[in-house]
């Protein structure tokens, strides 16, 4: 990763592209670069480049940060701050 890309990644993770509080259980589409769990959360799904696994049986504790090229996610319960990002394939 070049220093320019590294700087951009840091800026995005700090909210320079904006962020929103999500409590809805509807599908959220990004791109997002980070999800910060505000209250314990259970996800129906999280999708993105290189992201996999079954999420519906796992409670993610408040304070956890999920970082990566996230294209969409859906909460079953809880609240997260979704940081807007830029995803390059």
PDB file of N, CA and C in Angstrom:
ATOM      1  N   UNK A   1       0.852  -1.168   0.000  1.00  0.00           N
ATOM      2  CA  UNK A   1       0.000   0.000   0.000  1.00  0.00           C
ATOM      3  C   UNK A   1       0.896   1.227   0.000  1.00  0.00           C
ATOM      4  N   UNK A   2       0.616   2.150  -0.908  1.00  0.00           N
ATOM      5  CA  UNK A   2       1.408   3.364  -0.957  1.00  0.00           C
ATOM      6  C   UNK A   2       1.078   4.250   0.236  1.00  0.00           C
ATOM      7  N   UNK A   3       1.954   5.216   0.485  1.00  0.00           N
ATOM      8  CA  UNK A   3       1.710   6.109   1.623  1.00  0.00           C
ATOM      9  C   UNK A   3       0.454   6.952   1.405  1.00  0.00           C
ATOM     10  N   UNK A   4       0.126   7.251   0.146  1.00  0.00           N
ATOM     11  CA  UNK A   4      -1.100   8.008  -0.138  1.00  0.00           C
ATOM     12  C   UNK A   4      -2.322   7.175   0.228  1.00  0.00           C
ATOM     13  N   UNK A   5      -2.325   5.897  -0.171  1.00  0.00           N
ATOM     14  CA  UNK A   5      -3.450   5.021   0.173  1.00  0.00           C
ATOM     15  C   UNK A   5      -3.548   4.810   1.674  1.00  0.00           C
ATOM     16  N   UNK A   6      -2.405   4.685   2.347  1.00  0.00           N
ATOM     17  CA  UNK A   6      -2.406   4.511   3.793  1.00  0.00           C
ATOM     18  C   UNK A   6      -2.985   5.749   4.470  1.00  0.00           C
ATOM     19  N   UNK A   7      -2.610   6.935   4.000  1.00  0.00           N
ATOM     20  CA  UNK A   7      -3.143   8.173   4.561  1.00  0.00           C
ATOM     21  C   UNK A   7      -4.650   8.256   4.348  1.00  0.00           C
ATOM     22  N   UNK A   8      -5.119   7.870   3.148  1.00  0.00           N
ATOM     23  CA  UNK A   8      -6.546   7.891   2.852  1.00  0.00           C
ATOM     24  C   UNK A   8      -7.294   6.918   3.761  1.00  0.00           C
ATOM     25  N   UNK A   9      -6.738   5.738   3.984  1.00  0.00           N
ATOM     26  CA  UNK A   9      -7.375   4.746   4.854  1.00  0.00           C
ATOM     27  C   UNK A   9      -7.522   5.297   6.268  1.00  0.00           C
ATOM     28  N   UNK A  10      -6.504   5.967   6.766  1.00  0.00           N
ATOM     29  CA  UNK A  10      -6.562   6.548   8.114  1.00  0.00           C
ATOM     30  C   UNK A  10      -7.616   7.649   8.164  1.00  0.00           C
ATOM     31  N   UNK A  11      -7.624   8.526   7.152  1.00  0.00           N
ATOM     32  CA  UNK A  11      -8.611   9.606   7.125  1.00  0.00           C
ATOM     33  C   UNK A  11     -10.033   9.065   7.087  1.00  0.00           C
ATOM     34  N   UNK A  12     -10.279   8.051   6.248  1.00  0.00           N
ATOM     35  CA  UNK A  12     -11.618   7.479   6.154  1.00  0.00           C
ATOM     36  C   UNK A  12     -12.037   6.858   7.479  1.00  0.00           C
ATOM     37  N   UNK A  13     -11.115   6.145   8.142  1.00  0.00           N
ATOM     38  CA  UNK A  13     -11.458   5.493   9.407  1.00  0.00           C
ATOM     39  C   UNK A  13     -11.735   6.506  10.512  1.00  0.00           C
ATOM     40  N   UNK A  14     -11.327   7.749  10.299  1.00  0.00           N
ATOM     41  CA  UNK A  14     -11.588   8.808  11.272  1.00  0.00           C
ATOM     42  C   UNK A  14     -12.858   9.581  10.935  1.00  0.00           C
ATOM     43  N   UNK A  15     -13.548   9.174   9.853  1.00  0.00           N
ATOM     44  CA  UNK A  15     -14.827   9.791   9.527  1.00  0.00           C
ATOM     45  C   UNK A  15     -14.775  10.927   8.530  1.00  0.00           C
ATOM     46  N   UNK A  16     -13.668  11.088   7.810  1.00  0.00           N
ATOM     47  CA  UNK A  16     -13.565  12.220   6.887  1.00  0.00           C
ATOM     48  C   UNK A  16     -14.573  12.146   5.744  1.00  0.00           C
ATOM     49  N   UNK A  17     -15.088  10.964   5.424  1.00  0.00           N
ATOM     50  CA  UNK A  17     -16.095  10.822   4.370  1.00  0.00           C
ATOM     51  C   UNK A  17     -17.504  10.798   4.962  1.00  0.00           C
ATOM     52  N   UNK A  18     -17.611  10.968   6.258  1.00  0.00           N
ATOM     53  CA  UNK A  18     -18.902  10.980   6.927  1.00  0.00           C
ATOM     54  C   UNK A  18     -19.237   9.649   7.577  1.00  0.00           C
ATOM     55  N   UNK A  19     -20.236   9.659   8.421  1.00  0.00           N
ATOM     56  CA  UNK A  19     -20.659   8.450   9.120  1.00  0.00           C
ATOM     57  C   UNK A  19     -22.092   8.635   9.576  1.00  0.00           C
ATOM     58  N   UNK A  20     -22.721   7.536   9.944  1.00  0.00           N
ATOM     59  CA  UNK A  20     -24.095   7.622  10.436  1.00  0.00           C
ATOM     60  C   UNK A  20     -24.345   6.546  11.475  1.00  0.00           C
ATOM     61  N   UNK A  21     -25.268   6.850  12.377  1.00  0.00           N
ATOM     62  CA  UNK A  21     -25.703   5.889  13.374  1.00  0.00           C
ATOM     63  C   UNK A  21     -26.777   5.029  12.735  1.00  0.00           C
ATOM     64  N   UNK A  22     -26.610   3.705  12.798  1.00  0.00           N
ATOM     65  CA  UNK A  22     -27.573   2.786  12.208  1.00  0.00           C
ATOM     66  C   UNK A  22     -28.169   1.922  13.314  1.00  0.00           C
ATOM     67  N   UNK A  23     -29.488   1.979  13.436  1.00  0.00           N
ATOM     68  CA  UNK A  23     -30.220   1.124  14.367  1.00  0.00           C
ATOM     69  C   UNK A  23     -31.281   0.305  13.631  1.00  0.00           C
ATOM     70  N   UNK A  24     -31.515   0.640  12.376  1.00  0.00           N
ATOM     71  CA  UNK A  24     -32.537  -0.039  11.568  1.00  0.00           C
ATOM     72  C   UNK A  24     -32.096  -1.457  11.220  1.00  0.00           C
ATOM     73  N   UNK A  25     -33.066  -2.320  11.016  1.00  0.00           N
ATOM     74  CA  UNK A  25     -32.761  -3.705  10.646  1.00  0.00           C
ATOM     75  C   UNK A  25     -32.922  -3.950   9.149  1.00  0.00           C
ATOM     76  N   UNK A  26     -32.958  -2.877   8.373  1.00  0.00           N
ATOM     77  CA  UNK A  26     -33.008  -2.997   6.920  1.00  0.00           C
ATOM     78  C   UNK A  26     -31.594  -3.045   6.357  1.00  0.00           C
ATOM     79  N   UNK A  27     -31.444  -3.558   5.145  1.00  0.00           N
ATOM     80  CA  UNK A  27     -30.139  -3.664   4.498  1.00  0.00           C
ATOM     81  C   UNK A  27     -29.548  -2.277   4.290  1.00  0.00           C
ATOM     82  N   UNK A  28     -28.300  -2.094   4.675  1.00  0.00           N
ATOM     83  CA  UNK A  28     -27.563  -0.845   4.491  1.00  0.00           C
ATOM     84  C   UNK A  28     -26.510  -1.065   3.420  1.00  0.00           C
ATOM     85  N   UNK A  29     -26.455  -0.195   2.414  1.00  0.00           N
ATOM     86  CA  UNK A  29     -25.461  -0.351   1.357  1.00  0.00           C
ATOM     87  C   UNK A  29     -24.444   0.766   1.426  1.00  0.00           C
ATOM     88  N   UNK A  30     -23.195   0.424   1.155  1.00  0.00           N
ATOM     89  CA  UNK A  30     -22.080   1.333   1.292  1.00  0.00           C
ATOM     90  C   UNK A  30     -21.610   1.903  -0.022  1.00  0.00           C
ATOM     91  N   UNK A  31     -20.335   2.126  -0.073  1.00  0.00           N
ATOM     92  CA  UNK A  31     -19.314   1.424   0.685  1.00  0.00           C
ATOM     93  C   UNK A  31     -19.064   2.029   2.074  1.00  0.00           C
ATOM     94  N   UNK A  32     -18.631   1.136   2.969  1.00  0.00           N
ATOM     95  CA  UNK A  32     -18.223   1.518   4.312  1.00  0.00           C
ATOM     96  C   UNK A  32     -16.801   1.013   4.537  1.00  0.00           C
ATOM     97  N   UNK A  33     -16.051   1.704   5.387  1.00  0.00           N
ATOM     98  CA  UNK A  33     -14.689   1.262   5.710  1.00  0.00           C
ATOM     99  C   UNK A  33     -14.585   0.750   7.144  1.00  0.00           C
ATOM    100  N   UNK A  34     -15.607   1.049   7.975  1.00  0.00           N
ATOM    101  CA  UNK A  34     -15.563   0.595   9.364  1.00  0.00           C
ATOM    102  C   UNK A  34     -16.960   0.620   9.942  1.00  0.00           C
ATOM    103  N   UNK A  35     -17.251  -0.380  10.775  1.00  0.00           N
ATOM    104  CA  UNK A  35     -18.466  -0.396  11.584  1.00  0.00           C
ATOM    105  C   UNK A  35     -18.025  -0.414  13.035  1.00  0.00           C
ATOM    106  N   UNK A  36     -18.472   0.553  13.807  1.00  0.00           N
ATOM    107  CA  UNK A  36     -18.151   0.629  15.229  1.00  0.00           C
ATOM    108  C   UNK A  36     -19.413   0.264  15.996  1.00  0.00           C
ATOM    109  N   UNK A  37     -19.349  -0.810  16.762  1.00  0.00           N
ATOM    110  CA  UNK A  37     -20.527  -1.293  17.481  1.00  0.00           C
ATOM    111  C   UNK A  37     -20.766  -0.417  18.709  1.00  0.00           C
ATOM    112  N   UNK A  38     -21.959   0.194  18.777  1.00  0.00           N
ATOM    113  CA  UNK A  38     -22.313   1.106  19.862  1.00  0.00           C
ATOM    114  C   UNK A  38     -22.997   0.351  20.998  1.00  0.00           C
ATOM    115  N   UNK A  39     -23.964  -0.490  20.650  1.00  0.00           N
ATOM    116  CA  UNK A  39     -24.585  -1.388  21.623  1.00  0.00           C
ATOM    117  C   UNK A  39     -24.451  -2.796  21.068  1.00  0.00           C
ATOM    118  N   UNK A  40     -24.362  -3.785  21.933  1.00  0.00           N
ATOM    119  CA  UNK A  40     -24.191  -5.166  21.459  1.00  0.00           C
ATOM    120  C   UNK A  40     -25.045  -5.386  20.226  1.00  0.00           C
ATOM    121  N   UNK A  41     -24.450  -5.998  19.204  1.00  0.00           N
ATOM    122  CA  UNK A  41     -25.132  -6.124  17.919  1.00  0.00           C
ATOM    123  C   UNK A  41     -25.058  -7.554  17.397  1.00  0.00           C
ATOM    124  N   UNK A  42     -26.119  -7.936  16.703  1.00  0.00           N
ATOM    125  CA  UNK A  42     -26.142  -9.178  15.949  1.00  0.00           C
ATOM    126  C   UNK A  42     -26.421  -8.776  14.500  1.00  0.00           C
ATOM    127  N   UNK A  43     -25.590  -9.254  13.598  1.00  0.00           N
ATOM    128  CA  UNK A  43     -25.749  -8.952  12.182  1.00  0.00           C
ATOM    129  C   UNK A  43     -26.461 -10.097  11.485  1.00  0.00           C
ATOM    130  N   UNK A  44     -27.364  -9.766  10.583  1.00  0.00           N
ATOM    131  CA  UNK A  44     -27.946 -10.755   9.693  1.00  0.00           C
ATOM    132  C   UNK A  44     -26.912 -11.115   8.636  1.00  0.00           C
ATOM    133  N   UNK A  45     -26.193 -10.077   8.153  1.00  0.00           N
ATOM    134  CA  UNK A  45     -25.160 -10.293   7.136  1.00  0.00           C
ATOM    135  C   UNK A  45     -24.194  -9.114   7.108  1.00  0.00           C
ATOM    136  N   UNK A  46     -22.981  -9.406   6.649  1.00  0.00           N
ATOM    137  CA  UNK A  46     -21.990  -8.381   6.307  1.00  0.00           C
ATOM    138  C   UNK A  46     -21.342  -8.865   5.020  1.00  0.00           C
ATOM    139  N   UNK A  47     -21.307  -8.004   3.999  1.00  0.00           N
ATOM    140  CA  UNK A  47     -20.725  -8.379   2.714  1.00  0.00           C
ATOM    141  C   UNK A  47     -19.652  -7.380   2.312  1.00  0.00           C
ATOM    142  N   UNK A  48     -18.679  -7.872   1.549  1.00  0.00           N
ATOM    143  CA  UNK A  48     -17.629  -7.014   1.036  1.00  0.00           C
ATOM    144  C   UNK A  48     -16.502  -7.839   0.468  1.00  0.00           C
ATOM    145  N   UNK A  49     -15.501  -7.166  -0.041  1.00  0.00           N
ATOM    146  CA  UNK A  49     -14.346  -7.838  -0.632  1.00  0.00           C
ATOM    147  C   UNK A  49     -13.599  -8.624   0.447  1.00  0.00           C
ATOM    148  N   UNK A  50     -13.590  -9.958   0.316  1.00  0.00           N
ATOM    149  CA  UNK A  50     -12.873 -10.806   1.254  1.00  0.00           C
ATOM    150  C   UNK A  50     -13.574 -11.026   2.580  1.00  0.00           C
ATOM    151  N   UNK A  51     -14.847 -10.631   2.698  1.00  0.00           N
ATOM    152  CA  UNK A  51     -15.590 -10.798   3.945  1.00  0.00           C
ATOM    153  C   UNK A  51     -16.513 -11.993   3.814  1.00  0.00           C
ATOM    154  N   UNK A  52     -16.475 -12.891   4.785  1.00  0.00           N
ATOM    155  CA  UNK A  52     -17.321 -14.074   4.738  1.00  0.00           C
ATOM    156  C   UNK A  52     -17.721 -14.501   6.128  1.00  0.00           C
ATOM    157  N   UNK A  53     -18.387 -15.625   6.201  1.00  0.00           N
ATOM    158  CA  UNK A  53     -18.764 -16.182   7.493  1.00  0.00           C
ATOM    159  C   UNK A  53     -20.245 -16.051   7.772  1.00  0.00           C
ATOM    160  N   UNK A  54     -20.674 -16.774   8.791  1.00  0.00           N
ATOM    161  CA  UNK A  54     -22.056 -16.720   9.249  1.00  0.00           C
ATOM    162  C   UNK A  54     -22.115 -15.807  10.462  1.00  0.00           C
ATOM    163  N   UNK A  55     -22.918 -14.778  10.379  1.00  0.00           N
ATOM    164  CA  UNK A  55     -22.938 -13.744  11.408  1.00  0.00           C
ATOM    165  C   UNK A  55     -24.136 -13.833  12.333  1.00  0.00           C
ATOM    166  N   UNK A  56     -25.197 -14.490  11.925  1.00  0.00           N
ATOM    167  CA  UNK A  56     -26.463 -14.410  12.647  1.00  0.00           C
ATOM    168  C   UNK A  56     -26.456 -15.058  14.032  1.00  0.00           C
ATOM    169  N   UNK A  57     -25.492 -15.892  14.333  1.00  0.00           N
ATOM    170  CA  UNK A  57     -25.464 -16.562  15.630  1.00  0.00           C
ATOM    171  C   UNK A  57     -24.458 -15.928  16.594  1.00  0.00           C
ATOM    172  N   UNK A  58     -23.864 -14.806  16.205  1.00  0.00           N
ATOM    173  CA  UNK A  58     -22.801 -14.210  17.003  1.00  0.00           C
ATOM    174  C   UNK A  58     -23.184 -12.812  17.476  1.00  0.00           C
ATOM    175  N   UNK A  59     -23.086 -12.576  18.776  1.00  0.00           N
ATOM    176  CA  UNK A  59     -23.295 -11.238  19.324  1.00  0.00           C
ATOM    177  C   UNK A  59     -21.946 -10.537  19.362  1.00  0.00           C
ATOM    178  N   UNK A  60     -21.869  -9.385  18.696  1.00  0.00           N
ATOM    179  CA  UNK A  60     -20.638  -8.585  18.673  1.00  0.00           C
ATOM    180  C   UNK A  60     -20.775  -7.540  19.786  1.00  0.00           C
ATOM    181  N   UNK A  61     -19.834  -7.538  20.742  1.00  0.00           N
ATOM    182  CA  UNK A  61     -19.971  -6.632  21.887  1.00  0.00           C
ATOM    183  C   UNK A  61     -19.743  -5.162  21.531  1.00  0.00           C
ATOM    184  N   UNK A  62     -20.401  -4.289  22.291  1.00  0.00           N
ATOM    185  CA  UNK A  62     -20.205  -2.848  22.147  1.00  0.00           C
ATOM    186  C   UNK A  62     -18.722  -2.523  22.277  1.00  0.00           C
ATOM    187  N   UNK A  63     -18.262  -1.579  21.465  1.00  0.00           N
ATOM    188  CA  UNK A  63     -16.860  -1.181  21.476  1.00  0.00           C
ATOM    189  C   UNK A  63     -16.024  -1.850  20.408  1.00  0.00           C
ATOM    190  N   UNK A  64     -16.555  -2.900  19.787  1.00  0.00           N
ATOM    191  CA  UNK A  64     -15.835  -3.608  18.736  1.00  0.00           C
ATOM    192  C   UNK A  64     -15.855  -2.788  17.455  1.00  0.00           C
ATOM    193  N   UNK A  65     -14.722  -2.788  16.730  1.00  0.00           N
ATOM    194  CA  UNK A  65     -14.653  -2.150  15.418  1.00  0.00           C
ATOM    195  C   UNK A  65     -14.428  -3.224  14.374  1.00  0.00           C
ATOM    196  N   UNK A  66     -15.244  -3.218  13.343  1.00  0.00           N
ATOM    197  CA  UNK A  66     -15.089  -4.133  12.208  1.00  0.00           C
ATOM    198  C   UNK A  66     -14.593  -3.284  11.057  1.00  0.00           C
ATOM    199  N   UNK A  67     -13.371  -3.540  10.622  1.00  0.00           N
ATOM    200  CA  UNK A  67     -12.714  -2.717   9.611  1.00  0.00           C
ATOM    201  C   UNK A  67     -12.519  -3.536   8.348  1.00  0.00           C
ATOM    202  N   UNK A  68     -12.812  -2.933   7.217  1.00  0.00           N
ATOM    203  CA  UNK A  68     -12.602  -3.613   5.949  1.00  0.00           C
ATOM    204  C   UNK A  68     -13.426  -2.989   4.852  1.00  0.00           C
ATOM    205  N   UNK A  69     -13.305  -3.531   3.643  1.00  0.00           N
ATOM    206  CA  UNK A  69     -14.059  -3.018   2.497  1.00  0.00           C
ATOM    207  C   UNK A  69     -15.487  -3.563   2.512  1.00  0.00           C
ATOM    208  N   UNK A  70     -16.356  -2.933   3.278  1.00  0.00           N
ATOM    209  CA  UNK A  70     -17.717  -3.414   3.508  1.00  0.00           C
ATOM    210  C   UNK A  70     -18.657  -2.783   2.480  1.00  0.00           C
ATOM    211  N   UNK A  71     -19.331  -3.620   1.696  1.00  0.00           N
ATOM    212  CA  UNK A  71     -20.256  -3.108   0.687  1.00  0.00           C
ATOM    213  C   UNK A  71     -21.682  -3.016   1.210  1.00  0.00           C
ATOM    214  N   UNK A  72     -22.050  -3.895   2.154  1.00  0.00           N
ATOM    215  CA  UNK A  72     -23.390  -3.833   2.743  1.00  0.00           C
ATOM    216  C   UNK A  72     -23.403  -4.600   4.061  1.00  0.00           C
ATOM    217  N   UNK A  73     -24.394  -4.279   4.888  1.00  0.00           N
ATOM    218  CA  UNK A  73     -24.605  -5.032   6.121  1.00  0.00           C
ATOM    219  C   UNK A  73     -26.053  -4.892   6.539  1.00  0.00           C
ATOM    220  N   UNK A  74     -26.483  -5.813   7.368  1.00  0.00           N
ATOM    221  CA  UNK A  74     -27.835  -5.760   7.910  1.00  0.00           C
ATOM    222  C   UNK A  74     -27.791  -6.189   9.362  1.00  0.00           C
ATOM    223  N   UNK A  75     -28.356  -5.372  10.225  1.00  0.00           N
ATOM    224  CA  UNK A  75     -28.439  -5.684  11.648  1.00  0.00           C
ATOM    225  C   UNK A  75     -29.693  -6.493  11.940  1.00  0.00           C
ATOM    226  N   UNK A  76     -29.565  -7.441  12.851  1.00  0.00           N
ATOM    227  CA  UNK A  76     -30.743  -8.104  13.424  1.00  0.00           C
ATOM    228  C   UNK A  76     -31.135  -7.367  14.697  1.00  0.00           C
ATOM    229  N   UNK A  77     -30.130  -6.839  15.410  1.00  0.00           N
ATOM    230  CA  UNK A  77     -30.361  -6.050  16.617  1.00  0.00           C
ATOM    231  C   UNK A  77     -29.109  -5.244  16.926  1.00  0.00           C
ATOM    232  N   UNK A  78     -29.265  -4.224  17.762  1.00  0.00           N
ATOM    233  CA  UNK A  78     -28.128  -3.418  18.182  1.00  0.00           C
ATOM    234  C   UNK A  78     -28.020  -2.115  17.410  1.00  0.00           C
ATOM    235  N   UNK A  79     -26.866  -1.466  17.558  1.00  0.00           N
ATOM    236  CA  UNK A  79     -26.604  -0.194  16.896  1.00  0.00           C
ATOM    237  C   UNK A  79     -25.129  -0.109  16.535  1.00  0.00           C
ATOM    238  N   UNK A  80     -24.841   0.479  15.362  1.00  0.00           N
ATOM    239  CA  UNK A  80     -23.468   0.686  14.924  1.00  0.00           C
ATOM    240  C   UNK A  80     -23.316   2.067  14.333  1.00  0.00           C
ATOM    241  N   UNK A  81     -22.096   2.569  14.354  1.00  0.00           N
ATOM    242  CA  UNK A  81     -21.743   3.755  13.577  1.00  0.00           C
ATOM    243  C   UNK A  81     -21.082   3.221  12.320  1.00  0.00           C
ATOM    244  N   UNK A  82     -21.648   3.576  11.159  1.00  0.00           N
ATOM    245  CA  UNK A  82     -21.128   3.127   9.868  1.00  0.00           C
ATOM    246  C   UNK A  82     -20.339   4.272   9.237  1.00  0.00           C
ATOM    247  N   UNK A  83     -19.041   4.048   9.027  1.00  0.00           N
ATOM    248  CA  UNK A  83     -18.162   5.050   8.444  1.00  0.00           C
ATOM    249  C   UNK A  83     -18.116   4.867   6.935  1.00  0.00           C
ATOM    250  N   UNK A  84     -18.458   5.935   6.192  1.00  0.00           N
ATOM    251  CA  UNK A  84     -18.448   5.883   4.736  1.00  0.00           C
ATOM    252  C   UNK A  84     -17.030   5.681   4.234  1.00  0.00           C
ATOM    253  N   UNK A  85     -16.896   4.932   3.152  1.00  0.00           N
ATOM    254  CA  UNK A  85     -15.574   4.644   2.625  1.00  0.00           C
ATOM    255  C   UNK A  85     -15.540   4.655   1.118  1.00  0.00           C
ATOM    256  N   UNK A  86     -14.391   4.332   0.596  1.00  0.00           N
ATOM    257  CA  UNK A  86     -14.147   4.189  -0.834  1.00  0.00           C
ATOM    258  C   UNK A  86     -13.564   2.807  -1.018  1.00  0.00           C
ATOM    259  N   UNK A  87     -14.158   2.005  -1.892  1.00  0.00           N
ATOM    260  CA  UNK A  87     -13.654   0.649  -2.108  1.00  0.00           C
ATOM    261  C   UNK A  87     -13.108   0.554  -3.522  1.00  0.00           C
ATOM    262  N   UNK A  88     -11.846   0.179  -3.620  1.00  0.00           N
ATOM    263  CA  UNK A  88     -11.228  -0.057  -4.918  1.00  0.00           C
ATOM    264  C   UNK A  88     -11.079  -1.553  -5.110  1.00  0.00           C
ATOM    265  N   UNK A  89     -11.534  -2.052  -6.253  1.00  0.00           N
ATOM    266  CA  UNK A  89     -11.443  -3.500  -6.525  1.00  0.00           C
ATOM    267  C   UNK A  89     -10.045  -3.888  -6.907  1.00  0.00           C
TER     268      UNK A  89
END
